[in-house]
Amino acid sequence: MNPDQISPLFENYQTFVKRVDSHITAVKRKFPNRIACKKGCDLCCKFLTLFPVEALTLAQAFAHLPKKIKAKVILKIETEKDVCPLLIDRACVLYPFRPIICRTHGYPVYMEKDRERLIDFCPRNFKGITSFPKETMLDIEQLNTLLAMINRQFTESLETDPPFLDRIPISEAIFILCS
């Protein structure tokens, strides 16, 4: 698979990432002293599976990492199964290219379950906050639906044999373009 041929197919995903990042930036501005998430905070950095659009985004970025960093990632894949292999020395080596879940984790999201509205966020963040203005929360169902639609459009634009799996483990995703 030629990375130059697939790059134009990422446009919708990149637009979506910019919108999510813009939302997170606005939340940070609204609650400047209430967010504990920062470099070195890695409690949420777990082993993930990704949609192909996110997997290929990481694969493209991974291909440009220095060999020394790649070797550390490979060692982590071989030795630590439950953590994100991109987390080296408590920092993500592909932070600018991280998936949507990594961008939003810890920030207020809401969902409905049995007609009840539930709000979730990292307990280290927003200490003392008992309610959130609607504009500071992400609707997790809407977020997932949009990401799934973007992914579907992306995978339908690619002709791969065999086709991509619906979800790709991060430990495999980063090597997609290495063949």
N, C-alpha and C. Protein backbone atom coordinates (compact mmCIF):
# COMPACT_ATOMS: atom_id res chain seq x y z
N MET A 1 0.85 -1.17 0.00
CA MET A 1 0.00 0.00 0.00
C MET A 1 0.89 1.24 0.00
N ASN A 2 0.69 2.09 -0.94
CA ASN A 2 1.50 3.28 -1.11
C ASN A 2 0.94 4.43 -0.26
N PRO A 3 1.73 4.91 0.73
CA PRO A 3 1.25 6.00 1.60
C PRO A 3 0.85 7.26 0.83
N ASP A 4 1.53 7.55 -0.29
CA ASP A 4 1.19 8.75 -1.06
C ASP A 4 -0.20 8.65 -1.69
N GLN A 5 -0.61 7.43 -2.01
CA GLN A 5 -1.92 7.24 -2.62
C GLN A 5 -3.06 7.35 -1.61
N ILE A 6 -2.79 7.02 -0.36
CA ILE A 6 -3.88 7.06 0.63
C ILE A 6 -3.98 8.39 1.36
N SER A 7 -2.93 9.20 1.32
CA SER A 7 -2.94 10.47 2.06
C SER A 7 -4.17 11.34 1.78
N PRO A 8 -4.60 11.50 0.52
CA PRO A 8 -5.79 12.33 0.27
C PRO A 8 -7.07 11.77 0.89
N LEU A 9 -7.08 10.48 1.19
CA LEU A 9 -8.27 9.85 1.75
C LEU A 9 -8.50 10.21 3.23
N PHE A 10 -7.52 10.82 3.85
CA PHE A 10 -7.61 11.16 5.27
C PHE A 10 -8.30 12.50 5.54
N GLU A 11 -8.69 13.20 4.51
CA GLU A 11 -9.21 14.57 4.68
C GLU A 11 -10.37 14.65 5.67
N ASN A 12 -11.37 13.80 5.54
CA ASN A 12 -12.52 13.84 6.46
C ASN A 12 -12.09 13.54 7.89
N TYR A 13 -11.21 12.58 8.05
CA TYR A 13 -10.73 12.25 9.39
C TYR A 13 -9.95 13.41 9.99
N GLN A 14 -9.09 14.03 9.21
CA GLN A 14 -8.30 15.16 9.72
C GLN A 14 -9.19 16.34 10.09
N THR A 15 -10.23 16.57 9.34
CA THR A 15 -11.20 17.62 9.67
C THR A 15 -11.89 17.29 11.00
N PHE A 16 -12.26 16.05 11.16
CA PHE A 16 -12.90 15.59 12.40
C PHE A 16 -11.96 15.77 13.59
N VAL A 17 -10.71 15.39 13.43
CA VAL A 17 -9.72 15.55 14.50
C VAL A 17 -9.59 17.02 14.88
N LYS A 18 -9.56 17.90 13.90
CA LYS A 18 -9.45 19.34 14.19
C LYS A 18 -10.66 19.83 15.00
N ARG A 19 -11.84 19.35 14.66
CA ARG A 19 -13.05 19.74 15.40
C ARG A 19 -12.99 19.24 16.84
N VAL A 20 -12.57 18.00 17.02
CA VAL A 20 -12.45 17.44 18.37
C VAL A 20 -11.40 18.22 19.16
N ASP A 21 -10.26 18.47 18.56
CA ASP A 21 -9.20 19.23 19.24
C ASP A 21 -9.67 20.63 19.60
N SER A 22 -10.44 21.25 18.73
CA SER A 22 -10.97 22.59 19.01
C SER A 22 -11.90 22.54 20.22
N HIS A 23 -12.72 21.51 20.30
CA HIS A 23 -13.62 21.35 21.45
C HIS A 23 -12.80 21.19 22.74
N ILE A 24 -11.80 20.33 22.70
CA ILE A 24 -10.97 20.08 23.89
C ILE A 24 -10.25 21.37 24.31
N THR A 25 -9.77 22.14 23.36
CA THR A 25 -9.13 23.41 23.66
C THR A 25 -10.10 24.36 24.37
N ALA A 26 -11.33 24.40 23.90
CA ALA A 26 -12.35 25.26 24.53
C ALA A 26 -12.64 24.80 25.96
N VAL A 27 -12.68 23.49 26.19
CA VAL A 27 -12.90 22.97 27.55
C VAL A 27 -11.72 23.36 28.45
N LYS A 28 -10.52 23.26 27.94
CA LYS A 28 -9.33 23.64 28.71
C LYS A 28 -9.38 25.12 29.09
N ARG A 29 -9.85 25.95 28.16
CA ARG A 29 -9.97 27.39 28.46
C ARG A 29 -11.02 27.66 29.52
N LYS A 30 -12.11 26.90 29.47
CA LYS A 30 -13.21 27.10 30.42
C LYS A 30 -12.83 26.63 31.83
N PHE A 31 -12.01 25.59 31.91
CA PHE A 31 -11.61 25.01 33.20
C PHE A 31 -10.08 24.94 33.29
N PRO A 32 -9.40 26.08 33.24
CA PRO A 32 -7.94 26.06 33.13
C PRO A 32 -7.21 25.41 34.31
N ASN A 33 -7.77 25.46 35.48
CA ASN A 33 -7.09 24.90 36.65
C ASN A 33 -7.72 23.60 37.14
N ARG A 34 -8.56 22.99 36.32
CA ARG A 34 -9.29 21.79 36.75
C ARG A 34 -8.92 20.54 35.98
N ILE A 35 -7.90 20.63 35.13
CA ILE A 35 -7.55 19.49 34.28
C ILE A 35 -6.15 18.99 34.66
N ALA A 36 -6.10 17.75 35.08
CA ALA A 36 -4.84 17.13 35.51
C ALA A 36 -4.10 16.48 34.35
N CYS A 37 -4.78 16.23 33.23
CA CYS A 37 -4.16 15.57 32.08
C CYS A 37 -2.99 16.41 31.57
N LYS A 38 -1.83 15.76 31.47
CA LYS A 38 -0.64 16.41 30.93
C LYS A 38 0.40 15.35 30.66
N LYS A 39 1.48 15.71 30.05
CA LYS A 39 2.56 14.77 29.77
C LYS A 39 2.99 14.11 31.09
N GLY A 40 3.08 12.80 31.06
CA GLY A 40 3.44 12.06 32.25
C GLY A 40 2.24 11.43 32.94
N CYS A 41 1.05 11.93 32.68
CA CYS A 41 -0.18 11.33 33.20
C CYS A 41 -0.60 10.27 32.20
N ASP A 42 -0.50 9.01 32.58
CA ASP A 42 -0.74 7.93 31.62
C ASP A 42 -1.70 6.86 32.12
N LEU A 43 -2.54 7.21 33.09
CA LEU A 43 -3.47 6.23 33.65
C LEU A 43 -4.44 5.66 32.61
N CYS A 44 -4.77 6.44 31.62
CA CYS A 44 -5.75 6.00 30.62
C CYS A 44 -5.09 5.36 29.39
N CYS A 45 -3.78 5.27 29.37
CA CYS A 45 -3.07 4.76 28.20
C CYS A 45 -3.04 3.23 28.23
N LYS A 46 -4.07 2.65 27.65
CA LYS A 46 -4.24 1.20 27.63
C LYS A 46 -4.09 0.69 26.21
N PHE A 47 -4.01 -0.62 26.10
CA PHE A 47 -3.98 -1.27 24.80
C PHE A 47 -5.32 -1.05 24.11
N LEU A 48 -5.31 -0.61 22.87
CA LEU A 48 -6.54 -0.28 22.14
C LEU A 48 -6.64 -1.02 20.82
N THR A 49 -7.87 -1.09 20.33
CA THR A 49 -8.08 -1.45 18.94
C THR A 49 -8.63 -0.21 18.25
N LEU A 50 -8.34 -0.10 16.97
CA LEU A 50 -8.65 1.12 16.24
C LEU A 50 -9.41 0.83 14.95
N PHE A 51 -10.18 1.81 14.51
CA PHE A 51 -10.74 1.75 13.17
C PHE A 51 -9.58 1.85 12.17
N PRO A 52 -9.73 1.29 10.98
CA PRO A 52 -8.65 1.38 9.99
C PRO A 52 -8.17 2.80 9.69
N VAL A 53 -9.05 3.79 9.64
CA VAL A 53 -8.62 5.16 9.35
C VAL A 53 -7.64 5.66 10.42
N GLU A 54 -7.88 5.30 11.68
CA GLU A 54 -6.96 5.70 12.74
C GLU A 54 -5.70 4.84 12.72
N ALA A 55 -5.86 3.57 12.40
CA ALA A 55 -4.72 2.66 12.32
C ALA A 55 -3.73 3.12 11.26
N LEU A 56 -4.24 3.50 10.10
CA LEU A 56 -3.35 3.95 9.03
C LEU A 56 -2.73 5.32 9.33
N THR A 57 -3.45 6.15 10.05
CA THR A 57 -2.88 7.43 10.47
C THR A 57 -1.65 7.17 11.35
N LEU A 58 -1.80 6.26 12.31
CA LEU A 58 -0.67 5.92 13.17
C LEU A 58 0.44 5.23 12.39
N ALA A 59 0.08 4.36 11.46
CA ALA A 59 1.08 3.65 10.67
C ALA A 59 1.94 4.63 9.86
N GLN A 60 1.30 5.63 9.27
CA GLN A 60 2.06 6.63 8.51
C GLN A 60 3.03 7.38 9.42
N ALA A 61 2.56 7.76 10.58
CA ALA A 61 3.42 8.50 11.52
C ALA A 61 4.53 7.60 12.06
N PHE A 62 4.19 6.35 12.38
CA PHE A 62 5.18 5.41 12.91
C PHE A 62 6.32 5.19 11.91
N ALA A 63 5.99 5.14 10.64
CA ALA A 63 7.00 4.92 9.60
C ALA A 63 8.08 6.00 9.60
N HIS A 64 7.76 7.18 10.13
CA HIS A 64 8.71 8.29 10.14
C HIS A 64 9.47 8.45 11.45
N LEU A 65 9.19 7.58 12.41
CA LEU A 65 9.91 7.66 13.69
C LEU A 65 11.36 7.19 13.53
N PRO A 66 12.26 7.71 14.35
CA PRO A 66 13.64 7.21 14.33
C PRO A 66 13.69 5.72 14.72
N LYS A 67 14.66 5.01 14.19
CA LYS A 67 14.79 3.56 14.44
C LYS A 67 14.88 3.25 15.93
N LYS A 68 15.54 4.10 16.68
CA LYS A 68 15.71 3.88 18.11
C LYS A 68 14.35 3.86 18.84
N ILE A 69 13.48 4.78 18.47
CA ILE A 69 12.14 4.84 19.07
C ILE A 69 11.31 3.65 18.62
N LYS A 70 11.40 3.30 17.34
CA LYS A 70 10.67 2.13 16.83
C LYS A 70 11.08 0.88 17.62
N ALA A 71 12.37 0.75 17.88
CA ALA A 71 12.86 -0.42 18.62
C ALA A 71 12.27 -0.46 20.03
N LYS A 72 12.13 0.68 20.67
CA LYS A 72 11.52 0.73 22.00
C LYS A 72 10.05 0.31 21.95
N VAL A 73 9.35 0.74 20.91
CA VAL A 73 7.94 0.38 20.74
C VAL A 73 7.82 -1.12 20.53
N ILE A 74 8.66 -1.68 19.68
CA ILE A 74 8.62 -3.12 19.40
C ILE A 74 8.91 -3.91 20.67
N LEU A 75 9.88 -3.48 21.45
CA LEU A 75 10.19 -4.15 22.71
C LEU A 75 8.99 -4.10 23.65
N LYS A 76 8.32 -2.98 23.69
CA LYS A 76 7.15 -2.84 24.56
C LYS A 76 6.02 -3.77 24.11
N ILE A 77 5.83 -3.90 22.81
CA ILE A 77 4.82 -4.81 22.29
C ILE A 77 5.12 -6.23 22.75
N GLU A 78 6.39 -6.60 22.73
CA GLU A 78 6.80 -7.95 23.10
C GLU A 78 6.74 -8.22 24.59
N THR A 79 6.85 -7.18 25.41
CA THR A 79 6.97 -7.40 26.85
C THR A 79 5.79 -6.94 27.69
N GLU A 80 5.03 -5.97 27.21
CA GLU A 80 3.92 -5.43 28.00
C GLU A 80 2.65 -5.45 27.16
N LYS A 81 1.76 -6.35 27.47
CA LYS A 81 0.58 -6.58 26.63
C LYS A 81 -0.61 -5.68 26.92
N ASP A 82 -0.75 -5.13 28.11
CA ASP A 82 -1.96 -4.39 28.48
C ASP A 82 -1.83 -2.88 28.41
N VAL A 83 -0.67 -2.39 28.03
CA VAL A 83 -0.49 -0.95 27.94
C VAL A 83 -0.28 -0.55 26.49
N CYS A 84 -0.45 0.70 26.21
CA CYS A 84 -0.23 1.18 24.86
C CYS A 84 1.27 1.10 24.53
N PRO A 85 1.62 0.44 23.44
CA PRO A 85 3.04 0.33 23.10
C PRO A 85 3.67 1.64 22.67
N LEU A 86 2.85 2.64 22.39
CA LEU A 86 3.39 3.94 21.99
C LEU A 86 3.76 4.81 23.18
N LEU A 87 3.49 4.33 24.37
CA LEU A 87 3.81 5.07 25.58
C LEU A 87 5.23 4.70 26.03
N ILE A 88 6.16 5.58 25.74
CA ILE A 88 7.57 5.36 26.08
C ILE A 88 7.99 6.46 27.05
N ASP A 89 8.53 6.05 28.19
CA ASP A 89 8.94 7.00 29.23
C ASP A 89 7.77 7.93 29.61
N ARG A 90 6.59 7.33 29.72
CA ARG A 90 5.36 8.00 30.16
C ARG A 90 4.90 9.12 29.22
N ALA A 91 5.29 9.01 27.94
CA ALA A 91 4.83 9.97 26.94
C ALA A 91 4.55 9.24 25.63
N CYS A 92 3.53 9.68 24.92
CA CYS A 92 3.15 9.07 23.65
C CYS A 92 4.12 9.51 22.56
N VAL A 93 4.74 8.55 21.89
CA VAL A 93 5.70 8.89 20.83
C VAL A 93 5.01 9.37 19.56
N LEU A 94 3.70 9.16 19.46
CA LEU A 94 2.93 9.64 18.30
C LEU A 94 1.79 10.56 18.74
N TYR A 95 2.04 11.34 19.77
CA TYR A 95 1.00 12.18 20.36
C TYR A 95 0.22 13.03 19.35
N PRO A 96 0.86 13.70 18.41
CA PRO A 96 0.09 14.51 17.46
C PRO A 96 -0.85 13.69 16.57
N PHE A 97 -0.64 12.38 16.51
CA PHE A 97 -1.42 11.50 15.64
C PHE A 97 -2.32 10.55 16.42
N ARG A 98 -2.46 10.78 17.71
CA ARG A 98 -3.21 9.86 18.57
C ARG A 98 -4.67 9.75 18.13
N PRO A 99 -5.28 8.59 18.41
CA PRO A 99 -6.69 8.36 18.02
C PRO A 99 -7.65 9.27 18.79
N ILE A 100 -8.88 9.31 18.32
CA ILE A 100 -9.92 10.14 18.94
C ILE A 100 -10.12 9.80 20.41
N ILE A 101 -10.14 8.52 20.76
CA ILE A 101 -10.37 8.16 22.16
C ILE A 101 -9.27 8.73 23.05
N CYS A 102 -8.06 8.78 22.56
CA CYS A 102 -6.96 9.35 23.34
C CYS A 102 -7.10 10.86 23.46
N ARG A 103 -7.65 11.49 22.47
CA ARG A 103 -7.85 12.94 22.49
C ARG A 103 -8.95 13.35 23.46
N THR A 104 -9.94 12.49 23.62
CA THR A 104 -11.12 12.86 24.41
C THR A 104 -11.14 12.26 25.81
N HIS A 105 -10.34 11.24 26.04
CA HIS A 105 -10.38 10.58 27.34
C HIS A 105 -10.04 11.56 28.47
N GLY A 106 -10.84 11.51 29.49
CA GLY A 106 -10.62 12.39 30.64
C GLY A 106 -11.48 13.64 30.63
N TYR A 107 -11.98 14.00 29.46
CA TYR A 107 -12.83 15.17 29.33
C TYR A 107 -14.29 14.77 29.42
N PRO A 108 -15.18 15.70 29.77
CA PRO A 108 -16.58 15.32 29.98
C PRO A 108 -17.27 14.81 28.71
N VAL A 109 -17.81 13.61 28.83
CA VAL A 109 -18.63 13.04 27.77
C VAL A 109 -19.95 12.63 28.38
N TYR A 110 -20.98 12.66 27.57
CA TYR A 110 -22.26 12.20 28.09
C TYR A 110 -22.84 11.15 27.16
N MET A 111 -23.69 10.34 27.76
CA MET A 111 -24.37 9.28 27.03
C MET A 111 -25.69 9.04 27.71
N GLU A 112 -26.56 8.36 27.03
CA GLU A 112 -27.82 7.98 27.63
C GLU A 112 -27.87 6.48 27.76
N LYS A 113 -28.32 6.03 28.93
CA LYS A 113 -28.49 4.60 29.19
C LYS A 113 -29.81 4.44 29.92
N ASP A 114 -30.70 3.65 29.34
CA ASP A 114 -32.03 3.47 29.91
C ASP A 114 -32.71 4.81 30.17
N ARG A 115 -32.59 5.71 29.19
CA ARG A 115 -33.19 7.05 29.23
C ARG A 115 -32.63 7.94 30.34
N GLU A 116 -31.53 7.53 30.91
CA GLU A 116 -30.87 8.35 31.93
C GLU A 116 -29.58 8.91 31.34
N ARG A 117 -29.38 10.20 31.55
CA ARG A 117 -28.18 10.86 31.04
C ARG A 117 -27.03 10.65 32.02
N LEU A 118 -25.94 10.10 31.50
CA LEU A 118 -24.76 9.83 32.31
C LEU A 118 -23.61 10.70 31.82
N ILE A 119 -22.84 11.21 32.76
CA ILE A 119 -21.67 12.03 32.42
C ILE A 119 -20.44 11.33 32.98
N ASP A 120 -19.39 11.27 32.16
CA ASP A 120 -18.16 10.61 32.58
C ASP A 120 -16.97 11.52 32.28
N PHE A 121 -15.96 11.44 33.13
CA PHE A 121 -14.70 12.15 32.93
C PHE A 121 -13.68 11.56 33.91
N CYS A 122 -12.43 11.84 33.71
CA CYS A 122 -11.39 11.33 34.60
C CYS A 122 -11.59 11.92 35.99
N PRO A 123 -11.56 11.08 37.02
CA PRO A 123 -11.76 11.60 38.38
C PRO A 123 -10.66 12.55 38.85
N ARG A 124 -9.52 12.54 38.17
CA ARG A 124 -8.45 13.49 38.52
C ARG A 124 -8.74 14.89 37.97
N ASN A 125 -9.59 14.93 36.95
CA ASN A 125 -9.96 16.21 36.35
C ASN A 125 -11.23 16.76 37.01
N PHE A 126 -11.39 18.04 36.92
CA PHE A 126 -12.63 18.73 37.29
C PHE A 126 -13.03 18.53 38.74
N LYS A 127 -12.06 18.43 39.64
CA LYS A 127 -12.37 18.29 41.06
C LYS A 127 -13.20 19.48 41.52
N GLY A 128 -14.28 19.18 42.23
CA GLY A 128 -15.15 20.21 42.74
C GLY A 128 -16.24 20.65 41.77
N ILE A 129 -16.19 20.17 40.55
CA ILE A 129 -17.22 20.52 39.56
C ILE A 129 -18.38 19.54 39.71
N THR A 130 -19.58 20.07 39.86
CA THR A 130 -20.74 19.19 40.03
C THR A 130 -21.65 19.15 38.80
N SER A 131 -21.48 20.12 37.90
CA SER A 131 -22.24 20.08 36.65
C SER A 131 -21.42 20.78 35.57
N PHE A 132 -21.73 20.43 34.34
CA PHE A 132 -21.02 20.98 33.19
C PHE A 132 -22.00 21.67 32.26
N PRO A 133 -21.61 22.81 31.71
CA PRO A 133 -22.42 23.40 30.65
C PRO A 133 -22.44 22.44 29.46
N LYS A 134 -23.55 22.36 28.78
CA LYS A 134 -23.71 21.41 27.67
C LYS A 134 -22.60 21.55 26.63
N GLU A 135 -22.19 22.77 26.34
CA GLU A 135 -21.19 22.97 25.30
C GLU A 135 -19.80 22.43 25.66
N THR A 136 -19.60 22.07 26.92
CA THR A 136 -18.31 21.51 27.32
C THR A 136 -18.28 19.99 27.24
N MET A 137 -19.41 19.38 26.96
CA MET A 137 -19.48 17.92 26.92
C MET A 137 -19.56 17.41 25.48
N LEU A 138 -19.00 16.24 25.29
CA LEU A 138 -19.11 15.55 24.00
C LEU A 138 -20.16 14.46 24.14
N ASP A 139 -21.01 14.36 23.15
CA ASP A 139 -21.98 13.28 23.09
C ASP A 139 -21.24 12.07 22.53
N ILE A 140 -20.98 11.08 23.38
CA ILE A 140 -20.15 9.95 22.98
C ILE A 140 -20.78 9.14 21.85
N GLU A 141 -22.10 9.05 21.84
CA GLU A 141 -22.78 8.31 20.75
C GLU A 141 -22.60 9.04 19.42
N GLN A 142 -22.76 10.35 19.44
CA GLN A 142 -22.58 11.13 18.22
C GLN A 142 -21.13 11.05 17.75
N LEU A 143 -20.20 11.17 18.67
CA LEU A 143 -18.78 11.08 18.36
C LEU A 143 -18.45 9.75 17.69
N ASN A 144 -18.92 8.66 18.30
CA ASN A 144 -18.66 7.32 17.75
C ASN A 144 -19.34 7.11 16.40
N THR A 145 -20.54 7.64 16.24
CA THR A 145 -21.25 7.52 14.97
C THR A 145 -20.50 8.25 13.86
N LEU A 146 -20.05 9.47 14.13
CA LEU A 146 -19.30 10.23 13.13
C LEU A 146 -18.00 9.54 12.76
N LEU A 147 -17.30 9.04 13.77
CA LEU A 147 -16.04 8.34 13.51
C LEU A 147 -16.29 7.08 12.68
N ALA A 148 -17.33 6.35 12.99
CA ALA A 148 -17.66 5.13 12.23
C ALA A 148 -18.00 5.48 10.77
N MET A 149 -18.73 6.57 10.56
CA MET A 149 -19.08 6.98 9.20
C MET A 149 -17.83 7.40 8.41
N ILE A 150 -16.96 8.15 9.05
CA ILE A 150 -15.70 8.57 8.41
C ILE A 150 -14.87 7.34 8.06
N ASN A 151 -14.80 6.41 8.98
CA ASN A 151 -14.05 5.19 8.75
C ASN A 151 -14.64 4.39 7.59
N ARG A 152 -15.96 4.27 7.55
CA ARG A 152 -16.61 3.52 6.47
C ARG A 152 -16.29 4.14 5.11
N GLN A 153 -16.39 5.47 5.04
CA GLN A 153 -16.06 6.17 3.78
C GLN A 153 -14.60 5.92 3.41
N PHE A 154 -13.73 5.96 4.39
CA PHE A 154 -12.30 5.74 4.17
C PHE A 154 -12.04 4.33 3.64
N THR A 155 -12.57 3.33 4.32
CA THR A 155 -12.30 1.94 3.92
C THR A 155 -12.94 1.62 2.57
N GLU A 156 -14.08 2.23 2.26
CA GLU A 156 -14.69 2.00 0.95
C GLU A 156 -13.89 2.64 -0.17
N SER A 157 -13.09 3.64 0.16
CA SER A 157 -12.24 4.31 -0.84
C SER A 157 -10.97 3.53 -1.13
N LEU A 158 -10.64 2.60 -0.23
CA LEU A 158 -9.44 1.78 -0.41
C LEU A 158 -9.82 0.44 -1.03
N GLU A 159 -8.96 -0.06 -1.82
CA GLU A 159 -9.17 -1.41 -2.35
C GLU A 159 -8.04 -2.26 -1.79
N THR A 160 -8.35 -3.02 -0.75
CA THR A 160 -7.34 -3.89 -0.14
C THR A 160 -7.79 -5.33 -0.23
N ASP A 161 -6.83 -6.20 -0.41
CA ASP A 161 -7.13 -7.62 -0.45
C ASP A 161 -6.12 -8.33 0.45
N PRO A 162 -6.56 -8.86 1.54
CA PRO A 162 -7.93 -8.90 2.05
C PRO A 162 -8.35 -7.53 2.60
N PRO A 163 -9.65 -7.33 2.79
CA PRO A 163 -10.11 -6.05 3.35
C PRO A 163 -9.66 -5.91 4.81
N PHE A 164 -9.63 -4.68 5.27
CA PHE A 164 -9.26 -4.44 6.66
C PHE A 164 -10.27 -5.04 7.61
N LEU A 165 -9.80 -5.43 8.77
CA LEU A 165 -10.69 -5.83 9.85
C LEU A 165 -11.45 -4.59 10.32
N ASP A 166 -12.57 -4.80 11.02
CA ASP A 166 -13.32 -3.66 11.55
C ASP A 166 -12.51 -2.90 12.58
N ARG A 167 -11.77 -3.63 13.40
CA ARG A 167 -10.92 -3.02 14.43
C ARG A 167 -9.55 -3.67 14.33
N ILE A 168 -8.51 -2.86 14.52
CA ILE A 168 -7.14 -3.33 14.38
C ILE A 168 -6.39 -3.03 15.68
N PRO A 169 -5.79 -4.05 16.30
CA PRO A 169 -5.02 -3.79 17.51
C PRO A 169 -3.89 -2.80 17.22
N ILE A 170 -3.64 -1.91 18.16
CA ILE A 170 -2.62 -0.89 17.96
C ILE A 170 -1.25 -1.50 17.69
N SER A 171 -0.99 -2.67 18.29
CA SER A 171 0.29 -3.34 18.09
C SER A 171 0.47 -3.85 16.66
N GLU A 172 -0.61 -4.01 15.93
CA GLU A 172 -0.55 -4.41 14.52
C GLU A 172 -0.71 -3.19 13.61
N ALA A 173 -1.49 -2.23 14.05
CA ALA A 173 -1.80 -1.06 13.23
C ALA A 173 -0.56 -0.31 12.78
N ILE A 174 0.38 -0.15 13.68
CA ILE A 174 1.55 0.67 13.36
C ILE A 174 2.46 0.04 12.30
N PHE A 175 2.26 -1.26 12.02
CA PHE A 175 3.09 -1.94 11.05
C PHE A 175 2.41 -2.14 9.69
N ILE A 176 1.22 -1.63 9.51
CA ILE A 176 0.45 -1.85 8.28
C ILE A 176 1.23 -1.44 7.03
N LEU A 177 1.95 -0.35 7.10
CA LEU A 177 2.65 0.16 5.93
C LEU A 177 4.10 -0.33 5.83
N CYS A 178 4.49 -1.22 6.72
CA CYS A 178 5.88 -1.68 6.73
C CYS A 178 6.14 -2.84 5.79
N SER A 179 5.13 -3.32 5.12
CA SER A 179 5.36 -4.47 4.24
C SER A 179 5.83 -4.09 2.87
